[in-house]
N, C-alpha and C. Protein backbone atom coordinates (compact mmCIF):
# COMPACT_ATOMS: atom_id res chain seq x y z
N MET A 1 97.80 93.32 121.69
CA MET A 1 98.24 94.58 122.01
C MET A 1 99.17 95.28 120.87
N LYS A 2 98.94 96.47 120.28
CA LYS A 2 99.69 97.00 119.59
C LYS A 2 100.70 97.98 120.04
N ILE A 3 101.96 97.91 119.96
CA ILE A 3 103.16 98.49 120.37
C ILE A 3 103.81 99.10 119.44
N VAL A 4 103.98 100.49 119.51
CA VAL A 4 104.99 101.11 118.50
C VAL A 4 106.28 101.22 119.37
N VAL A 5 107.24 100.75 118.50
CA VAL A 5 108.72 100.58 119.08
C VAL A 5 109.57 101.93 118.75
N ASP A 6 110.06 102.74 119.72
CA ASP A 6 110.75 103.75 119.58
C ASP A 6 112.22 103.18 119.17
N THR A 7 113.29 104.18 118.32
CA THR A 7 114.43 103.77 117.72
C THR A 7 115.35 103.40 118.74
N ASN A 8 115.39 104.06 120.23
CA ASN A 8 116.22 103.80 121.17
C ASN A 8 116.00 102.14 121.92
N ILE A 9 114.77 101.80 121.82
CA ILE A 9 114.64 100.27 121.93
C ILE A 9 115.22 99.33 121.18
N VAL A 10 115.18 99.57 119.79
CA VAL A 10 115.82 98.70 118.87
C VAL A 10 117.43 98.74 118.89
N PHE A 11 117.69 100.08 119.09
CA PHE A 11 119.29 100.33 119.49
C PHE A 11 119.76 99.55 120.60
N SER A 12 118.96 99.42 121.53
CA SER A 12 119.13 98.77 122.93
C SER A 12 119.21 97.36 122.57
N SER A 13 118.20 96.92 121.66
CA SER A 13 118.30 95.57 121.57
C SER A 13 119.34 94.82 120.75
N ILE A 14 119.89 95.79 119.97
CA ILE A 14 121.17 95.39 119.08
C ILE A 14 122.41 95.34 120.07
N LEU A 15 122.37 96.38 120.98
CA LEU A 15 123.43 96.26 122.03
C LEU A 15 123.51 94.89 122.89
N ASN A 16 122.30 94.81 123.25
CA ASN A 16 122.16 93.51 124.09
C ASN A 16 120.91 92.82 123.77
N SER A 17 120.82 91.79 122.89
CA SER A 17 119.70 91.05 122.52
C SER A 17 119.38 90.16 123.51
N ASN A 18 120.33 89.88 124.33
CA ASN A 18 119.76 88.81 125.80
C ASN A 18 119.43 89.41 126.68
N GLY A 19 119.04 90.71 126.73
CA GLY A 19 118.36 91.55 127.88
C GLY A 19 116.92 91.38 128.02
N LEU A 20 116.49 92.08 128.81
CA LEU A 20 114.94 92.49 128.70
C LEU A 20 114.24 92.87 127.54
N ILE A 21 114.90 93.81 126.94
CA ILE A 21 114.38 94.32 125.64
C ILE A 21 114.33 93.14 124.50
N GLY A 22 115.47 92.34 124.36
CA GLY A 22 115.47 91.42 123.37
C GLY A 22 114.43 90.44 123.81
N GLU A 23 114.23 90.15 125.14
CA GLU A 23 113.42 89.10 125.58
C GLU A 23 111.74 89.66 125.09
N LEU A 24 111.44 90.80 125.30
CA LEU A 24 110.30 91.50 125.05
C LEU A 24 110.02 91.16 123.54
N LEU A 25 111.03 91.79 122.75
CA LEU A 25 110.98 91.88 121.14
C LEU A 25 110.80 90.68 120.64
N PHE A 26 111.50 89.64 120.81
CA PHE A 26 111.62 88.21 120.44
C PHE A 26 110.85 87.11 120.98
N ASN A 27 110.22 87.32 122.18
CA ASN A 27 109.42 86.32 122.95
C ASN A 27 108.13 86.63 123.54
N THR A 28 107.63 87.70 122.98
CA THR A 28 106.30 88.13 123.20
C THR A 28 105.27 88.32 122.29
N GLY A 29 105.54 87.60 121.10
CA GLY A 29 104.59 87.58 119.99
C GLY A 29 103.41 87.37 120.14
N GLN A 30 102.87 86.60 120.92
CA GLN A 30 101.51 86.17 121.48
C GLN A 30 100.92 87.33 122.07
N GLN A 31 101.59 88.11 122.69
CA GLN A 31 100.99 89.42 123.41
C GLN A 31 101.05 90.73 122.72
N PHE A 32 102.01 90.79 122.05
CA PHE A 32 102.46 92.01 121.38
C PHE A 32 102.70 91.95 119.97
N ASP A 33 101.86 92.81 119.25
CA ASP A 33 102.19 93.16 117.96
C ASP A 33 103.03 94.52 117.66
N PHE A 34 104.27 94.68 117.30
CA PHE A 34 105.20 95.59 117.06
C PHE A 34 105.19 96.33 116.04
N TYR A 35 105.26 97.65 116.17
CA TYR A 35 105.16 98.62 114.91
C TYR A 35 106.18 99.66 115.12
N SER A 36 106.40 100.04 113.86
CA SER A 36 107.38 101.26 114.13
C SER A 36 107.10 102.16 112.70
N PRO A 37 107.42 103.36 112.85
CA PRO A 37 107.34 104.25 111.64
C PRO A 37 108.52 103.79 110.45
N GLU A 38 108.29 103.92 109.30
CA GLU A 38 109.49 103.67 108.17
C GLU A 38 110.74 104.62 108.77
N PHE A 39 110.37 105.80 109.23
CA PHE A 39 111.45 106.82 109.45
C PHE A 39 112.46 106.06 110.61
N MET A 40 111.85 105.11 111.26
CA MET A 40 113.16 104.45 112.26
C MET A 40 114.30 103.75 111.59
N VAL A 41 113.97 103.28 110.45
CA VAL A 41 114.91 102.80 109.55
C VAL A 41 115.95 103.71 109.25
N ARG A 42 115.78 104.89 108.76
CA ARG A 42 116.46 106.03 108.64
C ARG A 42 117.57 106.41 109.65
N GLU A 43 116.68 106.40 110.76
CA GLU A 43 117.35 106.78 112.27
C GLU A 43 118.47 105.55 112.44
N LEU A 44 118.07 104.42 112.54
CA LEU A 44 119.14 103.23 112.47
C LEU A 44 120.50 103.47 111.84
N ASP A 45 120.22 103.84 110.52
CA ASP A 45 121.41 103.99 109.57
C ASP A 45 122.10 104.91 109.91
N LYS A 46 121.48 105.90 110.34
CA LYS A 46 122.25 107.32 110.76
C LYS A 46 123.21 106.85 112.10
N TYR A 47 122.74 106.02 112.69
CA TYR A 47 123.37 105.68 113.97
C TYR A 47 124.10 104.35 113.79
N GLY A 48 124.63 103.91 112.65
CA GLY A 48 125.41 102.81 112.51
C GLY A 48 126.76 102.72 112.91
N LEU A 49 127.46 103.91 112.91
CA LEU A 49 128.85 103.97 113.23
C LEU A 49 128.99 103.96 114.91
N LYS A 50 127.84 104.61 115.36
CA LYS A 50 127.77 104.54 116.72
C LYS A 50 127.54 102.97 117.34
N LEU A 51 126.71 102.51 116.60
CA LEU A 51 126.50 100.90 117.06
C LEU A 51 127.83 100.20 116.60
N LYS A 52 128.36 100.26 115.82
CA LYS A 52 129.81 99.79 115.52
C LYS A 52 130.89 99.84 116.70
N LYS A 53 130.81 101.35 117.26
CA LYS A 53 131.53 101.76 118.31
C LYS A 53 131.18 101.07 119.69
N TYR A 54 130.02 100.78 119.76
CA TYR A 54 129.67 100.35 121.16
C TYR A 54 129.70 98.81 121.28
N THR A 55 129.60 98.10 119.92
CA THR A 55 129.39 96.75 120.04
C THR A 55 130.73 96.14 119.45
N SER A 56 131.54 96.69 118.79
CA SER A 56 132.52 95.98 118.14
C SER A 56 132.43 95.18 117.08
N MET A 57 131.08 95.10 116.64
CA MET A 57 130.59 94.40 115.54
C MET A 57 131.03 94.89 114.24
N THR A 58 131.05 94.17 113.24
CA THR A 58 131.31 94.55 111.78
C THR A 58 129.93 95.24 111.27
N GLN A 59 129.91 96.11 110.41
CA GLN A 59 128.89 96.70 109.53
C GLN A 59 127.94 95.66 109.16
N GLU A 60 128.53 94.59 108.56
CA GLU A 60 127.59 93.49 108.05
C GLU A 60 127.01 92.97 109.30
N ASN A 61 127.49 92.54 110.41
CA ASN A 61 126.72 92.10 111.49
C ASN A 61 125.75 92.95 111.97
N ILE A 62 126.05 94.09 112.11
CA ILE A 62 125.12 95.23 112.56
C ILE A 62 123.89 95.15 111.55
N LYS A 63 124.32 95.14 110.08
CA LYS A 63 122.98 95.08 109.41
C LYS A 63 121.98 93.70 109.63
N ILE A 64 122.97 92.57 109.81
CA ILE A 64 122.17 91.46 110.14
C ILE A 64 121.25 91.47 111.39
N SER A 65 121.90 92.25 112.44
CA SER A 65 121.32 92.35 113.75
C SER A 65 119.99 93.27 113.57
N ILE A 66 120.00 94.28 112.55
CA ILE A 66 118.96 95.29 112.32
C ILE A 66 117.82 94.45 111.59
N GLN A 67 118.13 93.64 110.80
CA GLN A 67 117.43 92.79 109.97
C GLN A 67 116.73 91.96 110.81
N GLN A 68 117.16 91.29 111.87
CA GLN A 68 116.55 90.34 112.73
C GLN A 68 115.54 90.95 113.52
N VAL A 69 116.07 92.25 113.99
CA VAL A 69 115.05 92.83 115.06
C VAL A 69 113.83 93.47 114.11
N LEU A 70 114.14 93.81 112.96
CA LEU A 70 112.98 94.37 112.04
C LEU A 70 112.15 93.21 111.66
N LYS A 71 112.38 92.04 111.80
CA LYS A 71 111.37 90.98 111.39
C LYS A 71 110.20 90.90 112.32
N ASN A 72 110.60 91.51 113.45
CA ASN A 72 109.38 91.55 114.58
C ASN A 72 108.67 92.80 114.51
N ILE A 73 108.89 93.76 113.65
CA ILE A 73 108.21 94.88 113.73
C ILE A 73 107.77 95.23 112.44
N ALA A 74 106.35 95.66 112.19
CA ALA A 74 105.79 95.85 111.13
C ALA A 74 105.93 97.67 111.12
N LEU A 75 106.88 97.67 109.75
CA LEU A 75 106.91 99.25 109.45
C LEU A 75 105.63 99.95 108.88
N VAL A 76 105.33 101.37 109.42
CA VAL A 76 104.31 101.98 108.88
C VAL A 76 104.62 103.23 108.07
N SER A 77 104.02 103.17 106.99
CA SER A 77 104.51 104.47 106.21
C SER A 77 103.72 105.53 106.49
N PRO A 78 104.12 106.84 106.46
CA PRO A 78 104.02 108.16 106.87
C PRO A 78 102.43 108.38 106.26
N GLU A 79 102.34 107.82 105.04
CA GLU A 79 100.96 108.23 104.40
C GLU A 79 99.78 107.63 104.81
N ALA A 80 100.23 106.44 105.82
CA ALA A 80 99.21 105.69 106.28
C ALA A 80 98.46 106.20 107.60
N ILE A 81 98.96 107.29 107.91
CA ILE A 81 98.61 108.10 109.01
C ILE A 81 97.85 109.40 108.65
N SER A 82 96.63 109.65 109.16
CA SER A 82 95.96 110.80 108.83
C SER A 82 96.64 111.76 109.13
N ALA A 83 96.39 113.15 108.57
CA ALA A 83 96.89 114.53 108.76
C ALA A 83 96.47 114.89 110.08
N PRO A 84 95.12 114.87 110.62
CA PRO A 84 94.64 115.13 111.98
C PRO A 84 95.64 114.20 112.91
N ASN A 85 95.87 113.12 112.87
CA ASN A 85 96.76 112.16 113.78
C ASN A 85 98.21 112.84 113.74
N TRP A 86 98.75 113.18 112.74
CA TRP A 86 99.94 113.99 112.39
C TRP A 86 99.95 115.32 113.37
N GLU A 87 99.17 116.05 113.12
CA GLU A 87 98.85 117.26 114.07
C GLU A 87 99.01 117.02 115.37
N HIS A 88 97.90 116.10 115.77
CA HIS A 88 97.67 115.77 117.24
C HIS A 88 99.21 115.47 117.86
N ALA A 89 99.83 114.31 117.05
CA ALA A 89 101.14 113.83 117.40
C ALA A 89 101.86 114.98 117.72
N TYR A 90 102.22 115.86 116.83
CA TYR A 90 103.08 116.80 116.88
C TYR A 90 102.66 117.95 118.34
N GLU A 91 101.69 118.15 118.50
CA GLU A 91 101.13 118.71 119.58
C GLU A 91 101.48 118.07 120.98
N LEU A 92 101.31 116.94 121.05
CA LEU A 92 101.79 115.85 121.98
C LEU A 92 103.23 115.91 122.26
N ALA A 93 103.93 115.77 121.31
CA ALA A 93 105.37 115.44 121.38
C ALA A 93 106.23 116.56 121.29
N SER A 94 105.66 117.80 120.76
CA SER A 94 106.55 118.97 120.34
C SER A 94 107.34 119.34 122.07
N GLU A 95 106.65 119.48 122.94
CA GLU A 95 107.17 119.92 124.39
C GLU A 95 108.19 119.13 124.74
N ALA A 96 108.25 117.67 124.47
CA ALA A 96 109.25 116.50 125.00
C ALA A 96 110.36 116.58 123.90
N ASP A 97 109.88 116.10 122.67
CA ASP A 97 110.98 116.22 121.54
C ASP A 97 110.18 115.82 120.34
N GLU A 98 110.04 117.09 119.57
CA GLU A 98 109.31 117.04 118.41
C GLU A 98 109.79 115.97 117.47
N LYS A 99 110.87 115.48 117.54
CA LYS A 99 111.75 114.33 116.45
C LYS A 99 110.91 113.03 116.90
N ASP A 100 110.24 112.96 118.27
CA ASP A 100 109.49 111.75 118.28
C ASP A 100 108.07 111.77 117.60
N THR A 101 107.84 112.92 116.94
CA THR A 101 106.33 112.87 116.52
C THR A 101 105.97 111.64 115.47
N PRO A 102 106.94 111.29 114.58
CA PRO A 102 106.49 110.04 113.89
C PRO A 102 106.20 108.74 114.63
N PHE A 103 106.61 108.58 115.95
CA PHE A 103 106.11 107.34 116.88
C PHE A 103 105.03 107.88 117.52
N VAL A 104 104.59 108.93 117.67
CA VAL A 104 103.33 109.19 118.61
C VAL A 104 102.39 109.19 117.37
N ALA A 105 102.67 109.82 116.17
CA ALA A 105 101.60 109.57 115.11
C ALA A 105 101.30 108.28 114.79
N THR A 106 102.38 107.46 114.72
CA THR A 106 102.22 105.90 114.12
C THR A 106 101.16 105.38 115.50
N ALA A 107 101.36 105.57 116.63
CA ALA A 107 100.60 104.97 117.74
C ALA A 107 99.09 105.55 117.55
N LEU A 108 99.04 106.67 117.29
CA LEU A 108 97.55 107.46 117.15
C LEU A 108 97.05 106.65 115.86
N GLY A 109 97.70 106.43 114.78
CA GLY A 109 97.28 105.86 113.48
C GLY A 109 96.92 104.47 113.71
N ILE A 110 97.62 103.85 114.59
CA ILE A 110 96.95 102.46 114.70
C ILE A 110 96.34 102.12 115.76
N ASN A 111 96.22 103.08 116.57
CA ASN A 111 95.35 102.86 118.10
C ASN A 111 96.17 101.98 119.16
N GLY A 112 97.35 102.45 119.05
CA GLY A 112 98.52 101.57 119.95
C GLY A 112 99.12 102.15 120.82
N SER A 113 99.93 101.78 121.48
CA SER A 113 100.45 102.27 122.61
C SER A 113 102.16 102.59 122.10
N ILE A 114 102.97 103.10 122.92
CA ILE A 114 104.25 103.50 122.68
C ILE A 114 105.37 102.75 123.76
N TRP A 115 106.28 102.19 123.06
CA TRP A 115 107.27 101.65 124.10
C TRP A 115 108.59 102.39 123.82
N THR A 116 109.14 103.11 124.72
CA THR A 116 110.26 104.08 124.65
C THR A 116 111.28 103.89 125.98
N GLY A 117 112.36 104.06 125.71
CA GLY A 117 113.44 104.47 126.65
C GLY A 117 113.84 105.84 127.07
N ASP A 118 113.05 106.51 126.43
CA ASP A 118 113.21 107.84 126.67
C ASP A 118 112.30 108.79 127.66
N LYS A 119 113.06 108.80 128.95
CA LYS A 119 112.19 109.20 130.00
C LYS A 119 111.74 110.67 129.96
N LYS A 120 112.45 111.60 129.28
CA LYS A 120 111.74 112.95 128.83
C LYS A 120 110.43 112.69 128.13
N LEU A 121 110.41 111.75 127.04
CA LEU A 121 109.13 111.67 126.31
C LEU A 121 107.99 111.11 127.03
N ILE A 122 108.55 109.81 127.92
CA ILE A 122 107.32 109.32 128.84
C ILE A 122 106.71 110.42 129.66
N LYS A 123 107.78 111.04 130.23
CA LYS A 123 107.10 112.23 131.37
C LYS A 123 106.31 113.31 130.57
N GLY A 124 106.71 113.74 129.25
CA GLY A 124 106.10 114.96 128.61
C GLY A 124 104.66 114.40 128.19
N LEU A 125 104.81 113.03 127.54
CA LEU A 125 103.17 112.93 127.12
C LEU A 125 102.45 112.44 128.39
N ARG A 126 102.91 111.85 129.26
CA ARG A 126 102.05 111.87 130.52
C ARG A 126 101.24 112.83 131.03
N LYS A 127 102.36 114.01 130.89
CA LYS A 127 102.00 115.24 131.50
C LYS A 127 100.64 115.76 130.46
N LYS A 128 100.73 115.34 129.18
CA LYS A 128 99.55 115.62 128.35
C LYS A 128 98.51 114.78 128.49
N GLY A 129 98.56 113.57 129.38
CA GLY A 129 97.35 112.97 129.39
C GLY A 129 97.47 111.68 128.68
N VAL A 130 98.95 111.27 128.26
CA VAL A 130 98.55 110.15 127.37
C VAL A 130 99.23 109.04 128.50
N LYS A 131 98.31 107.99 128.35
CA LYS A 131 98.48 106.96 129.42
C LYS A 131 98.91 105.63 128.66
N ASN A 132 99.00 105.60 127.42
CA ASN A 132 99.46 104.38 126.79
C ASN A 132 100.81 104.49 126.26
N ILE A 133 101.71 104.65 127.12
CA ILE A 133 103.20 104.88 126.85
C ILE A 133 103.97 104.01 128.03
N TYR A 134 104.85 103.06 127.59
CA TYR A 134 105.61 102.49 128.61
C TYR A 134 107.04 102.44 128.36
N SER A 135 107.66 102.29 129.62
CA SER A 135 109.01 102.19 129.56
C SER A 135 109.43 100.62 129.41
N THR A 136 110.40 99.91 129.38
CA THR A 136 110.51 98.58 129.07
C THR A 136 110.26 97.77 130.51
N THR A 137 110.58 98.36 131.65
CA THR A 137 110.06 97.66 132.83
C THR A 137 108.37 97.74 132.87
N GLU A 138 107.83 98.67 132.54
CA GLU A 138 106.28 98.83 132.51
C GLU A 138 105.74 97.65 131.50
N LEU A 139 106.43 97.77 130.24
CA LEU A 139 105.81 96.68 129.49
C LEU A 139 105.88 95.40 129.67
N PHE A 140 107.38 94.95 130.44
CA PHE A 140 107.57 93.73 130.89
C PHE A 140 106.60 93.37 132.04
N GLU A 141 105.95 94.26 132.83
CA GLU A 141 105.28 94.10 133.90
C GLU A 141 103.85 93.60 133.07
N ARG A 142 103.48 94.13 131.99
CA ARG A 142 102.11 93.64 131.19
C ARG A 142 102.22 92.28 130.94
N THR A 143 102.98 91.57 130.77
CA THR A 143 103.29 90.29 130.19
C THR A 143 102.97 89.31 131.48
N LYS A 144 102.90 89.83 132.35
CA LYS A 144 102.44 88.94 133.80
C LYS A 144 101.15 88.77 133.72
């Protein structure tokens, strides 16, 4: 199953790699193939200081943690997604949060699902008929 990973999931996995999110990212390679738009790497860089504040990790250790997580996620360039998919993604995401458009577009482009901790995004997309979006708990249930 193809899963597009939202930035908040990666952020959470760095905060606690031993939790349920870490379990899914690092130990379900047989069931899930993880993807994310290249845009996510820039978002993680932007929140580097926030990660340092919450983890008391050094910047070097944060970079190493990010690299470890990214080993399990294939990055998709924006050019690999068709214009119609970008337009449809914007229509779907704009009501909840248009900044999530790259994640929705990536899911459309690879014909995959979305994994996010953003309840507003989940609710907004489901309201528009999107069924292939999962919270961490819901995705974990799929492993059983």
